[in-house]
Amino acid sequence: MSSDFEVPRFLSASTINGTPVENRRGEHLGKIEELMIDLNNGLVNYAVLSFGGFLGMGDKLFAIPFDALDFDTVNEKVILDVDKEILENAPGFDKEHWPDTTEHAWLVDVYDYYGYQPYWNY
């Protein structure tokens, strides 16, 4: 994002958690619930986005590649450049059944879905 101000290089996870997420068309997509850290290298593996439901009930959770997110610190929102329909059809999970995080295999499909190469393949 281009602007006339200095963008911070670091934000705390607690600052990012709860931040609303919109697409480039300004459509509300949900909010960031969690940031998942790869304990092998300290990188953010993915962000967990909640989407759908009503007043937090029935929300579906999605693993979003961290590289897919842009941060608008002026307007305090996160930008995910996907249409709502793409997100509605994305692989997700519910709050009671998180994916198995012992392997990267399931996350490769998530990165592929959003058109990103997994960071551990760089």
C-alpha atoms as a PDB file:
ATOM      1  CA  MET A   1       0.000   0.000   0.000  1.00  0.00           C
ATOM      2  CA  SER A   2       1.335   3.414  -0.812  1.00  0.00           C
ATOM      3  CA  SER A   3       0.822   6.273   1.583  1.00  0.00           C
ATOM      4  CA  ASP A   4       2.396   9.410   2.980  1.00  0.00           C
ATOM      5  CA  PHE A   5       3.181   7.880   6.365  1.00  0.00           C
ATOM      6  CA  GLU A   6       5.610   5.332   7.689  1.00  0.00           C
ATOM      7  CA  VAL A   7       4.042   1.879   8.004  1.00  0.00           C
ATOM      8  CA  PRO A   8       5.100   0.013  11.134  1.00  0.00           C
ATOM      9  CA  ARG A   9       7.326  -2.985  10.506  1.00  0.00           C
ATOM     10  CA  PHE A  10       6.119  -4.875  13.566  1.00  0.00           C
ATOM     11  CA  LEU A  11       2.739  -5.395  15.226  1.00  0.00           C
ATOM     12  CA  SER A  12       1.913  -7.561  18.194  1.00  0.00           C
ATOM     13  CA  ALA A  13      -0.270 -10.615  17.628  1.00  0.00           C
ATOM     14  CA  SER A  14      -2.761  -9.221  20.154  1.00  0.00           C
ATOM     15  CA  THR A  15      -3.034  -6.065  18.025  1.00  0.00           C
ATOM     16  CA  ILE A  16      -3.798  -8.110  14.902  1.00  0.00           C
ATOM     17  CA  ASN A  17      -6.212 -10.556  16.565  1.00  0.00           C
ATOM     18  CA  GLY A  18      -9.763  -9.246  16.248  1.00  0.00           C
ATOM     19  CA  THR A  19      -8.915  -6.953  13.328  1.00  0.00           C
ATOM     20  CA  PRO A  20     -11.645  -6.791  10.682  1.00  0.00           C
ATOM     21  CA  VAL A  21     -10.826  -8.230   7.265  1.00  0.00           C
ATOM     22  CA  GLU A  22     -12.127  -6.806   3.987  1.00  0.00           C
ATOM     23  CA  ASN A  23     -11.462  -7.526   0.348  1.00  0.00           C
ATOM     24  CA  ARG A  24     -10.343  -4.830  -2.120  1.00  0.00           C
ATOM     25  CA  ARG A  25     -14.011  -4.120  -2.947  1.00  0.00           C
ATOM     26  CA  GLY A  26     -14.626  -3.140   0.674  1.00  0.00           C
ATOM     27  CA  GLU A  27     -16.738  -6.212   1.463  1.00  0.00           C
ATOM     28  CA  HIS A  28     -16.467  -7.425   5.047  1.00  0.00           C
ATOM     29  CA  LEU A  29     -14.955 -10.917   5.148  1.00  0.00           C
ATOM     30  CA  GLY A  30     -14.664 -11.484   8.881  1.00  0.00           C
ATOM     31  CA  LYS A  31     -11.906 -10.946  11.412  1.00  0.00           C
ATOM     32  CA  ILE A  32      -8.547 -12.368  12.375  1.00  0.00           C
ATOM     33  CA  GLU A  33      -8.968 -14.848  15.244  1.00  0.00           C
ATOM     34  CA  GLU A  34      -5.417 -16.122  15.652  1.00  0.00           C
ATOM     35  CA  LEU A  35      -1.941 -16.107  14.164  1.00  0.00           C
ATOM     36  CA  MET A  36      -0.331 -19.523  13.999  1.00  0.00           C
ATOM     37  CA  ILE A  37       3.440 -19.582  14.496  1.00  0.00           C
ATOM     38  CA  ASP A  38       5.749 -22.203  12.996  1.00  0.00           C
ATOM     39  CA  LEU A  39       7.795 -23.279  16.019  1.00  0.00           C
ATOM     40  CA  ASN A  40      10.646 -24.529  13.827  1.00  0.00           C
ATOM     41  CA  ASN A  41      11.509 -21.115  12.429  1.00  0.00           C
ATOM     42  CA  GLY A  42       9.411 -18.494  14.234  1.00  0.00           C
ATOM     43  CA  LEU A  43       7.494 -17.435  11.104  1.00  0.00           C
ATOM     44  CA  VAL A  44       3.752 -16.852  10.990  1.00  0.00           C
ATOM     45  CA  ASN A  45       2.476 -20.014   9.309  1.00  0.00           C
ATOM     46  CA  TYR A  46      -1.027 -18.712   8.690  1.00  0.00           C
ATOM     47  CA  ALA A  47      -3.733 -16.445  10.033  1.00  0.00           C
ATOM     48  CA  VAL A  48      -7.057 -17.860  11.192  1.00  0.00           C
ATOM     49  CA  LEU A  49      -9.972 -15.906   9.732  1.00  0.00           C
ATOM     50  CA  SER A  50     -13.519 -16.264  11.050  1.00  0.00           C
ATOM     51  CA  PHE A  51     -16.229 -15.751   8.463  1.00  0.00           C
ATOM     52  CA  GLY A  52     -19.983 -16.201   8.377  1.00  0.00           C
ATOM     53  CA  GLY A  53     -22.377 -16.905  11.175  1.00  0.00           C
ATOM     54  CA  PHE A  54     -24.192 -14.343  13.294  1.00  0.00           C
ATOM     55  CA  LEU A  55     -22.765 -12.686  16.401  1.00  0.00           C
ATOM     56  CA  GLY A  56     -19.935 -15.200  16.479  1.00  0.00           C
ATOM     57  CA  MET A  57     -22.245 -18.214  16.263  1.00  0.00           C
ATOM     58  CA  GLY A  58     -21.757 -20.558  13.321  1.00  0.00           C
ATOM     59  CA  ASP A  59     -18.571 -18.856  12.149  1.00  0.00           C
ATOM     60  CA  LYS A  60     -16.423 -20.972   9.900  1.00  0.00           C
ATOM     61  CA  LEU A  61     -12.662 -20.678  10.355  1.00  0.00           C
ATOM     62  CA  PHE A  62     -10.151 -20.500   7.526  1.00  0.00           C
ATOM     63  CA  ALA A  63      -6.387 -20.829   7.401  1.00  0.00           C
ATOM     64  CA  ILE A  64      -5.125 -17.934   5.282  1.00  0.00           C
ATOM     65  CA  PRO A  65      -1.505 -17.753   4.085  1.00  0.00           C
ATOM     66  CA  PHE A  66       0.061 -14.818   5.903  1.00  0.00           C
ATOM     67  CA  ASP A  67       1.509 -13.546   2.598  1.00  0.00           C
ATOM     68  CA  ALA A  68      -2.066 -13.147   1.290  1.00  0.00           C
ATOM     69  CA  LEU A  69      -2.784 -10.405   3.847  1.00  0.00           C
ATOM     70  CA  ASP A  70      -2.099  -6.684   3.556  1.00  0.00           C
ATOM     71  CA  PHE A  71      -2.315  -4.464   6.616  1.00  0.00           C
ATOM     72  CA  ASP A  72      -4.038  -1.075   6.452  1.00  0.00           C
ATOM     73  CA  THR A  73      -2.779   0.453   9.688  1.00  0.00           C
ATOM     74  CA  VAL A  74      -4.461   3.813   9.041  1.00  0.00           C
ATOM     75  CA  ASN A  75      -7.956   2.312   8.825  1.00  0.00           C
ATOM     76  CA  GLU A  76      -7.098  -0.560  11.200  1.00  0.00           C
ATOM     77  CA  LYS A  77      -8.132  -3.391   8.924  1.00  0.00           C
ATOM     78  CA  VAL A  78      -6.633  -6.299   7.061  1.00  0.00           C
ATOM     79  CA  ILE A  79      -7.076  -6.665   3.319  1.00  0.00           C
ATOM     80  CA  LEU A  80      -7.501 -10.124   1.776  1.00  0.00           C
ATOM     81  CA  ASP A  81      -7.726  -9.833  -2.005  1.00  0.00           C
ATOM     82  CA  VAL A  82     -10.413 -12.462  -2.659  1.00  0.00           C
ATOM     83  CA  ASP A  83     -14.086 -12.301  -3.546  1.00  0.00           C
ATOM     84  CA  LYS A  84     -16.594 -13.462  -0.949  1.00  0.00           C
ATOM     85  CA  GLU A  85     -17.534 -16.401  -3.183  1.00  0.00           C
ATOM     86  CA  ILE A  86     -13.932 -17.659  -3.154  1.00  0.00           C
ATOM     87  CA  LEU A  87     -13.912 -17.550   0.639  1.00  0.00           C
ATOM     88  CA  GLU A  88     -17.334 -19.197   0.916  1.00  0.00           C
ATOM     89  CA  ASN A  89     -16.001 -22.163  -1.090  1.00  0.00           C
ATOM     90  CA  ALA A  90     -12.591 -22.314   0.607  1.00  0.00           C
ATOM     91  CA  PRO A  91     -11.532 -25.258   2.734  1.00  0.00           C
ATOM     92  CA  GLY A  92     -12.254 -24.388   6.345  1.00  0.00           C
ATOM     93  CA  PHE A  93     -12.856 -25.820   9.776  1.00  0.00           C
ATOM     94  CA  ASP A  94     -14.983 -25.116  12.826  1.00  0.00           C
ATOM     95  CA  LYS A  95     -13.947 -23.915  16.264  1.00  0.00           C
ATOM     96  CA  GLU A  96     -14.228 -27.411  17.738  1.00  0.00           C
ATOM     97  CA  HIS A  97     -12.258 -29.241  15.022  1.00  0.00           C
ATOM     98  CA  TRP A  98      -8.983 -27.539  14.166  1.00  0.00           C
ATOM     99  CA  PRO A  99      -6.738 -29.129  11.526  1.00  0.00           C
ATOM    100  CA  ASP A 100      -3.859 -31.422  12.436  1.00  0.00           C
ATOM    101  CA  THR A 101      -0.828 -29.161  12.657  1.00  0.00           C
ATOM    102  CA  THR A 102       1.809 -31.861  12.969  1.00  0.00           C
ATOM    103  CA  GLU A 103       2.335 -31.896   9.189  1.00  0.00           C
ATOM    104  CA  HIS A 104       2.353 -29.274   6.443  1.00  0.00           C
ATOM    105  CA  ALA A 105       0.385 -31.523   4.045  1.00  0.00           C
ATOM    106  CA  TRP A 106      -3.077 -30.040   4.758  1.00  0.00           C
ATOM    107  CA  LEU A 107      -1.690 -26.499   4.614  1.00  0.00           C
ATOM    108  CA  VAL A 108      -0.192 -27.034   1.147  1.00  0.00           C
ATOM    109  CA  ASP A 109      -3.768 -27.335  -0.182  1.00  0.00           C
ATOM    110  CA  VAL A 110      -4.689 -24.074   1.561  1.00  0.00           C
ATOM    111  CA  TYR A 111      -1.732 -22.215   0.035  1.00  0.00           C
ATOM    112  CA  ASP A 112      -2.592 -23.675  -3.389  1.00  0.00           C
ATOM    113  CA  TYR A 113      -6.247 -22.615  -3.046  1.00  0.00           C
ATOM    114  CA  TYR A 114      -5.235 -18.978  -2.544  1.00  0.00           C
ATOM    115  CA  GLY A 115      -2.468 -19.125  -5.171  1.00  0.00           C
ATOM    116  CA  TYR A 116       0.552 -18.885  -2.872  1.00  0.00           C
ATOM    117  CA  GLN A 117       3.653 -21.014  -2.594  1.00  0.00           C
ATOM    118  CA  PRO A 118       4.241 -22.297   0.940  1.00  0.00           C
ATOM    119  CA  TYR A 119       6.982 -20.278   2.636  1.00  0.00           C
ATOM    120  CA  TRP A 120       8.831 -23.447   3.632  1.00  0.00           C
ATOM    121  CA  ASN A 121       9.424 -24.146  -0.098  1.00  0.00           C
ATOM    122  CA  TYR A 122      11.273 -20.851  -0.762  1.00  0.00           C
END
